[in-house]
Amino acid sequence: MAKPMYVRFEVPKELVNQLYEVVEIARDSENGKIAKGSNEVTKVVERGQARFVVMAEDVVPPEVLAHVPMLCDEKEVAYGYVPSKQELGSAAGLSVPTSAVAVVQAGKAKARIDDLSGKLSQVKE
């Protein structure tokens, strides 16, 4: 199946699990904070508060996330993609799927986010 229009690069399978883990660690960290859903993610990226963004590839309609990669590039926020909005919702501590998650305060996930950002920037090129 073709990738949605907002998916700008293929994330290697070994990095996908790390993306889910970063969301879980940031969510569970004492001083970690995440924003869930496309509207909240858009707000924190626009305000310059987002440190890292994870988007699901199976969002319908794809227009919901069409603006997010461009916004992240403009604000110089690293981002990546995961295949499942259901799993992304679970990683974010939700019982429902979510299209996107932004890490606002990394907490204990900071080192992993820095590492992932570097790896994803290489994949992106």
N, C-alpha and C. Protein backbone atom coordinates (compact mmCIF):
# COMPACT_ATOMS: atom_id res chain seq x y z
N MET A 1 0.84 -1.19 0.00
CA MET A 1 0.00 0.00 0.00
C MET A 1 0.88 1.25 0.00
N ALA A 2 0.48 2.25 -0.74
CA ALA A 2 1.25 3.50 -0.83
C ALA A 2 1.18 4.25 0.49
N LYS A 3 2.26 4.95 0.80
CA LYS A 3 2.31 5.75 2.02
C LYS A 3 1.47 7.02 1.84
N PRO A 4 0.89 7.53 2.94
CA PRO A 4 0.13 8.78 2.85
C PRO A 4 1.04 9.95 2.45
N MET A 5 0.44 11.02 1.99
CA MET A 5 1.20 12.16 1.47
C MET A 5 2.10 12.83 2.50
N TYR A 6 1.76 12.76 3.77
CA TYR A 6 2.55 13.43 4.79
C TYR A 6 3.77 12.61 5.24
N VAL A 7 3.86 11.36 4.82
CA VAL A 7 5.00 10.53 5.19
C VAL A 7 6.14 10.82 4.22
N ARG A 8 7.16 11.50 4.72
CA ARG A 8 8.24 11.99 3.86
C ARG A 8 9.42 11.03 3.75
N PHE A 9 9.51 10.06 4.65
CA PHE A 9 10.60 9.09 4.59
C PHE A 9 10.19 7.82 5.31
N GLU A 10 10.87 6.74 4.96
CA GLU A 10 10.62 5.43 5.55
C GLU A 10 11.44 5.29 6.83
N VAL A 11 10.78 4.97 7.93
CA VAL A 11 11.49 4.75 9.19
C VAL A 11 11.86 3.27 9.27
N PRO A 12 13.14 2.95 9.44
CA PRO A 12 13.55 1.54 9.56
C PRO A 12 12.84 0.85 10.72
N LYS A 13 12.53 -0.42 10.55
CA LYS A 13 11.79 -1.18 11.57
C LYS A 13 12.45 -1.14 12.94
N GLU A 14 13.79 -1.15 12.96
CA GLU A 14 14.47 -1.15 14.26
C GLU A 14 14.27 0.17 15.02
N LEU A 15 13.92 1.24 14.30
CA LEU A 15 13.68 2.52 14.97
C LEU A 15 12.23 2.70 15.40
N VAL A 16 11.31 1.97 14.77
CA VAL A 16 9.89 2.11 15.09
C VAL A 16 9.63 1.82 16.57
N ASN A 17 10.16 0.69 17.07
CA ASN A 17 9.96 0.35 18.48
C ASN A 17 10.57 1.40 19.40
N GLN A 18 11.69 1.97 18.99
CA GLN A 18 12.32 3.02 19.79
C GLN A 18 11.44 4.27 19.85
N LEU A 19 10.71 4.55 18.78
CA LEU A 19 9.80 5.69 18.78
C LEU A 19 8.67 5.49 19.79
N TYR A 20 8.09 4.28 19.80
CA TYR A 20 7.06 3.98 20.78
C TYR A 20 7.62 4.09 22.20
N GLU A 21 8.83 3.58 22.41
CA GLU A 21 9.46 3.61 23.73
C GLU A 21 9.71 5.04 24.21
N VAL A 22 10.15 5.91 23.32
CA VAL A 22 10.40 7.31 23.69
C VAL A 22 9.10 7.95 24.20
N VAL A 23 7.99 7.68 23.53
CA VAL A 23 6.70 8.23 23.96
C VAL A 23 6.35 7.70 25.35
N GLU A 24 6.52 6.38 25.57
CA GLU A 24 6.21 5.79 26.87
C GLU A 24 7.10 6.35 27.97
N ILE A 25 8.39 6.48 27.70
CA ILE A 25 9.32 6.97 28.72
C ILE A 25 9.01 8.43 29.06
N ALA A 26 8.77 9.25 28.05
CA ALA A 26 8.45 10.66 28.31
C ALA A 26 7.14 10.77 29.08
N ARG A 27 6.18 9.93 28.74
CA ARG A 27 4.88 9.95 29.44
C ARG A 27 5.04 9.55 30.90
N ASP A 28 5.87 8.54 31.16
CA ASP A 28 6.00 8.00 32.51
C ASP A 28 7.03 8.73 33.37
N SER A 29 7.88 9.55 32.76
CA SER A 29 8.90 10.26 33.53
C SER A 29 8.24 11.27 34.46
N GLU A 30 8.87 11.44 35.61
CA GLU A 30 8.35 12.36 36.62
C GLU A 30 8.20 13.78 36.05
N ASN A 31 9.21 14.23 35.30
CA ASN A 31 9.14 15.58 34.74
C ASN A 31 8.94 15.55 33.22
N GLY A 32 8.41 14.45 32.70
CA GLY A 32 8.12 14.35 31.28
C GLY A 32 6.71 14.83 30.98
N LYS A 33 6.50 15.29 29.75
CA LYS A 33 5.17 15.77 29.36
C LYS A 33 5.00 15.55 27.87
N ILE A 34 3.83 15.03 27.48
CA ILE A 34 3.53 14.83 26.07
C ILE A 34 2.21 15.51 25.72
N ALA A 35 2.07 15.83 24.43
CA ALA A 35 0.82 16.35 23.88
C ALA A 35 0.29 15.29 22.93
N LYS A 36 -1.02 15.01 23.01
CA LYS A 36 -1.60 13.92 22.22
C LYS A 36 -2.65 14.45 21.25
N GLY A 37 -2.63 13.93 20.03
CA GLY A 37 -3.61 14.31 19.01
C GLY A 37 -3.08 15.39 18.09
N SER A 38 -3.59 15.43 16.88
CA SER A 38 -3.06 16.35 15.87
C SER A 38 -3.23 17.82 16.27
N ASN A 39 -4.34 18.18 16.90
CA ASN A 39 -4.55 19.58 17.29
C ASN A 39 -3.56 20.01 18.36
N GLU A 40 -3.39 19.20 19.40
CA GLU A 40 -2.45 19.54 20.47
C GLU A 40 -1.01 19.57 19.96
N VAL A 41 -0.67 18.60 19.11
CA VAL A 41 0.68 18.54 18.54
C VAL A 41 0.94 19.80 17.71
N THR A 42 -0.02 20.20 16.89
CA THR A 42 0.12 21.41 16.09
C THR A 42 0.37 22.62 16.99
N LYS A 43 -0.40 22.74 18.06
CA LYS A 43 -0.25 23.89 18.98
C LYS A 43 1.14 23.95 19.61
N VAL A 44 1.62 22.82 20.15
CA VAL A 44 2.92 22.86 20.84
C VAL A 44 4.08 23.06 19.86
N VAL A 45 3.94 22.55 18.63
CA VAL A 45 4.99 22.78 17.63
C VAL A 45 5.00 24.26 17.24
N GLU A 46 3.83 24.83 16.98
CA GLU A 46 3.74 26.24 16.61
C GLU A 46 4.30 27.15 17.69
N ARG A 47 4.07 26.79 18.94
CA ARG A 47 4.54 27.60 20.08
C ARG A 47 6.02 27.39 20.40
N GLY A 48 6.64 26.44 19.70
CA GLY A 48 8.05 26.17 19.94
C GLY A 48 8.31 25.35 21.20
N GLN A 49 7.28 24.65 21.69
CA GLN A 49 7.40 23.86 22.92
C GLN A 49 7.75 22.40 22.66
N ALA A 50 7.50 21.92 21.45
CA ALA A 50 7.72 20.50 21.14
C ALA A 50 9.21 20.22 20.97
N ARG A 51 9.65 19.08 21.50
CA ARG A 51 11.04 18.64 21.35
C ARG A 51 11.16 17.52 20.32
N PHE A 52 10.07 16.76 20.14
CA PHE A 52 10.08 15.59 19.26
C PHE A 52 8.64 15.23 18.92
N VAL A 53 8.37 14.82 17.69
CA VAL A 53 7.01 14.48 17.27
C VAL A 53 7.01 13.09 16.65
N VAL A 54 5.99 12.30 17.00
CA VAL A 54 5.79 10.98 16.41
C VAL A 54 4.39 10.96 15.78
N MET A 55 4.33 10.56 14.50
CA MET A 55 3.05 10.53 13.78
C MET A 55 2.75 9.11 13.32
N ALA A 56 1.47 8.76 13.32
CA ALA A 56 1.04 7.45 12.83
C ALA A 56 0.84 7.52 11.32
N GLU A 57 1.13 6.42 10.63
CA GLU A 57 0.99 6.38 9.18
C GLU A 57 -0.42 5.99 8.72
N ASP A 58 -1.22 5.43 9.63
CA ASP A 58 -2.54 4.92 9.21
C ASP A 58 -3.69 5.87 9.57
N VAL A 59 -3.44 7.17 9.51
CA VAL A 59 -4.45 8.17 9.84
C VAL A 59 -5.36 8.39 8.63
N VAL A 60 -6.67 8.41 8.90
CA VAL A 60 -7.66 8.63 7.84
C VAL A 60 -8.57 9.77 8.28
N PRO A 61 -8.75 10.81 7.49
CA PRO A 61 -8.09 11.10 6.23
C PRO A 61 -6.66 11.61 6.47
N PRO A 62 -5.77 11.41 5.52
CA PRO A 62 -4.37 11.82 5.71
C PRO A 62 -4.19 13.33 5.85
N GLU A 63 -5.16 14.10 5.40
CA GLU A 63 -5.07 15.56 5.49
C GLU A 63 -4.97 16.05 6.93
N VAL A 64 -5.39 15.22 7.87
CA VAL A 64 -5.33 15.58 9.29
C VAL A 64 -3.90 15.91 9.70
N LEU A 65 -2.93 15.19 9.13
CA LEU A 65 -1.52 15.41 9.50
C LEU A 65 -0.69 16.04 8.38
N ALA A 66 -1.31 16.44 7.30
CA ALA A 66 -0.57 16.94 6.13
C ALA A 66 0.34 18.12 6.46
N HIS A 67 -0.07 18.95 7.39
CA HIS A 67 0.70 20.16 7.72
C HIS A 67 1.82 19.92 8.74
N VAL A 68 1.76 18.84 9.47
CA VAL A 68 2.67 18.64 10.61
C VAL A 68 4.14 18.50 10.19
N PRO A 69 4.49 17.68 9.19
CA PRO A 69 5.91 17.60 8.81
C PRO A 69 6.50 18.95 8.38
N MET A 70 5.72 19.73 7.62
CA MET A 70 6.20 21.05 7.18
C MET A 70 6.41 21.97 8.37
N LEU A 71 5.47 21.93 9.30
CA LEU A 71 5.57 22.75 10.51
C LEU A 71 6.79 22.35 11.34
N CYS A 72 7.01 21.04 11.47
CA CYS A 72 8.17 20.55 12.22
C CYS A 72 9.47 21.00 11.55
N ASP A 73 9.54 20.92 10.22
CA ASP A 73 10.73 21.37 9.51
C ASP A 73 10.96 22.86 9.73
N GLU A 74 9.89 23.63 9.67
CA GLU A 74 9.98 25.08 9.86
C GLU A 74 10.49 25.43 11.25
N LYS A 75 10.01 24.71 12.26
CA LYS A 75 10.38 24.99 13.65
C LYS A 75 11.59 24.18 14.11
N GLU A 76 12.16 23.37 13.18
CA GLU A 76 13.33 22.54 13.46
C GLU A 76 13.09 21.55 14.61
N VAL A 77 11.95 20.87 14.52
CA VAL A 77 11.59 19.83 15.48
C VAL A 77 11.75 18.48 14.80
N ALA A 78 12.50 17.58 15.42
CA ALA A 78 12.68 16.24 14.85
C ALA A 78 11.37 15.46 14.92
N TYR A 79 11.15 14.60 13.93
CA TYR A 79 9.93 13.80 13.91
C TYR A 79 10.18 12.46 13.24
N GLY A 80 9.26 11.53 13.51
CA GLY A 80 9.33 10.21 12.92
C GLY A 80 7.94 9.64 12.77
N TYR A 81 7.87 8.49 12.11
CA TYR A 81 6.58 7.86 11.84
C TYR A 81 6.53 6.44 12.40
N VAL A 82 5.35 6.06 12.87
CA VAL A 82 5.09 4.69 13.30
C VAL A 82 3.91 4.18 12.49
N PRO A 83 3.81 2.86 12.30
CA PRO A 83 2.76 2.34 11.43
C PRO A 83 1.34 2.40 12.03
N SER A 84 1.21 2.37 13.35
CA SER A 84 -0.12 2.18 13.94
C SER A 84 -0.55 3.28 14.91
N LYS A 85 -1.70 3.89 14.62
CA LYS A 85 -2.24 4.90 15.53
C LYS A 85 -2.76 4.25 16.81
N GLN A 86 -3.16 2.99 16.72
CA GLN A 86 -3.62 2.27 17.92
C GLN A 86 -2.46 2.06 18.89
N GLU A 87 -1.33 1.59 18.37
CA GLU A 87 -0.15 1.38 19.22
C GLU A 87 0.40 2.71 19.74
N LEU A 88 0.33 3.76 18.92
CA LEU A 88 0.79 5.08 19.36
C LEU A 88 -0.09 5.57 20.51
N GLY A 89 -1.38 5.36 20.41
CA GLY A 89 -2.30 5.72 21.49
C GLY A 89 -1.97 4.97 22.76
N SER A 90 -1.69 3.67 22.64
CA SER A 90 -1.32 2.86 23.81
C SER A 90 -0.02 3.36 24.44
N ALA A 91 0.96 3.69 23.60
CA ALA A 91 2.24 4.20 24.12
C ALA A 91 2.04 5.52 24.85
N ALA A 92 1.04 6.30 24.41
CA ALA A 92 0.76 7.59 25.04
C ALA A 92 -0.13 7.46 26.27
N GLY A 93 -0.52 6.22 26.59
CA GLY A 93 -1.34 5.99 27.78
C GLY A 93 -2.82 6.18 27.54
N LEU A 94 -3.24 6.09 26.28
CA LEU A 94 -4.64 6.27 25.93
C LEU A 94 -5.29 4.93 25.61
N SER A 95 -6.61 4.85 25.80
CA SER A 95 -7.34 3.63 25.44
C SER A 95 -7.89 3.75 24.01
N VAL A 96 -7.64 4.88 23.36
CA VAL A 96 -8.09 5.12 21.99
C VAL A 96 -6.87 5.43 21.11
N PRO A 97 -7.01 5.26 19.80
CA PRO A 97 -5.88 5.58 18.92
C PRO A 97 -5.59 7.09 18.91
N THR A 98 -4.38 7.46 18.57
CA THR A 98 -4.04 8.87 18.39
C THR A 98 -3.19 9.03 17.13
N SER A 99 -3.42 10.12 16.43
CA SER A 99 -2.72 10.34 15.16
C SER A 99 -1.29 10.81 15.36
N ALA A 100 -1.05 11.55 16.44
CA ALA A 100 0.28 12.11 16.66
C ALA A 100 0.51 12.38 18.14
N VAL A 101 1.80 12.38 18.52
CA VAL A 101 2.20 12.70 19.89
C VAL A 101 3.44 13.59 19.80
N ALA A 102 3.44 14.63 20.62
CA ALA A 102 4.62 15.49 20.70
C ALA A 102 5.20 15.39 22.11
N VAL A 103 6.50 15.23 22.20
CA VAL A 103 7.17 15.24 23.49
C VAL A 103 7.48 16.71 23.79
N VAL A 104 6.89 17.22 24.87
CA VAL A 104 7.08 18.61 25.26
C VAL A 104 8.23 18.72 26.25
N GLN A 105 8.22 17.85 27.24
CA GLN A 105 9.33 17.75 28.20
C GLN A 105 9.79 16.30 28.18
N ALA A 106 11.05 16.09 27.85
CA ALA A 106 11.55 14.74 27.61
C ALA A 106 11.71 13.91 28.88
N GLY A 107 12.02 14.54 30.00
CA GLY A 107 12.27 13.78 31.22
C GLY A 107 13.41 12.81 31.01
N LYS A 108 13.20 11.56 31.35
CA LYS A 108 14.24 10.53 31.23
C LYS A 108 14.48 10.09 29.78
N ALA A 109 13.66 10.56 28.85
CA ALA A 109 13.78 10.16 27.45
C ALA A 109 14.72 11.07 26.67
N LYS A 110 15.31 12.07 27.30
CA LYS A 110 16.13 13.05 26.58
C LYS A 110 17.26 12.43 25.77
N ALA A 111 18.03 11.55 26.38
CA ALA A 111 19.17 10.92 25.68
C ALA A 111 18.67 10.10 24.48
N ARG A 112 17.56 9.38 24.66
CA ARG A 112 17.01 8.58 23.56
C ARG A 112 16.49 9.46 22.43
N ILE A 113 15.87 10.57 22.80
CA ILE A 113 15.36 11.49 21.78
C ILE A 113 16.52 12.06 20.97
N ASP A 114 17.58 12.47 21.66
CA ASP A 114 18.75 13.01 20.96
C ASP A 114 19.33 11.97 20.00
N ASP A 115 19.44 10.72 20.46
CA ASP A 115 19.96 9.64 19.65
C ASP A 115 19.06 9.38 18.44
N LEU A 116 17.75 9.28 18.69
CA LEU A 116 16.78 9.03 17.61
C LEU A 116 16.76 10.18 16.61
N SER A 117 16.84 11.41 17.09
CA SER A 117 16.83 12.57 16.20
C SER A 117 17.97 12.48 15.20
N GLY A 118 19.15 12.09 15.70
CA GLY A 118 20.31 11.94 14.81
C GLY A 118 20.10 10.85 13.78
N LYS A 119 19.59 9.71 14.23
CA LYS A 119 19.36 8.58 13.31
C LYS A 119 18.30 8.93 12.27
N LEU A 120 17.23 9.60 12.70
CA LEU A 120 16.15 9.94 11.77
C LEU A 120 16.59 11.01 10.77
N SER A 121 17.45 11.92 11.18
CA SER A 121 17.91 12.95 10.24
C SER A 121 18.75 12.30 9.14
N GLN A 122 19.47 11.22 9.46
CA GLN A 122 20.24 10.50 8.44
C GLN A 122 19.30 9.77 7.47
N VAL A 123 18.23 9.18 8.01
CA VAL A 123 17.26 8.46 7.18
C VAL A 123 16.52 9.45 6.27
N LYS A 124 16.25 10.61 6.80
CA LYS A 124 15.47 11.64 6.11
C LYS A 124 16.18 12.17 4.86
N GLU A 125 17.49 12.19 4.86
CA GLU A 125 18.25 12.78 3.75
C GLU A 125 18.27 11.92 2.52
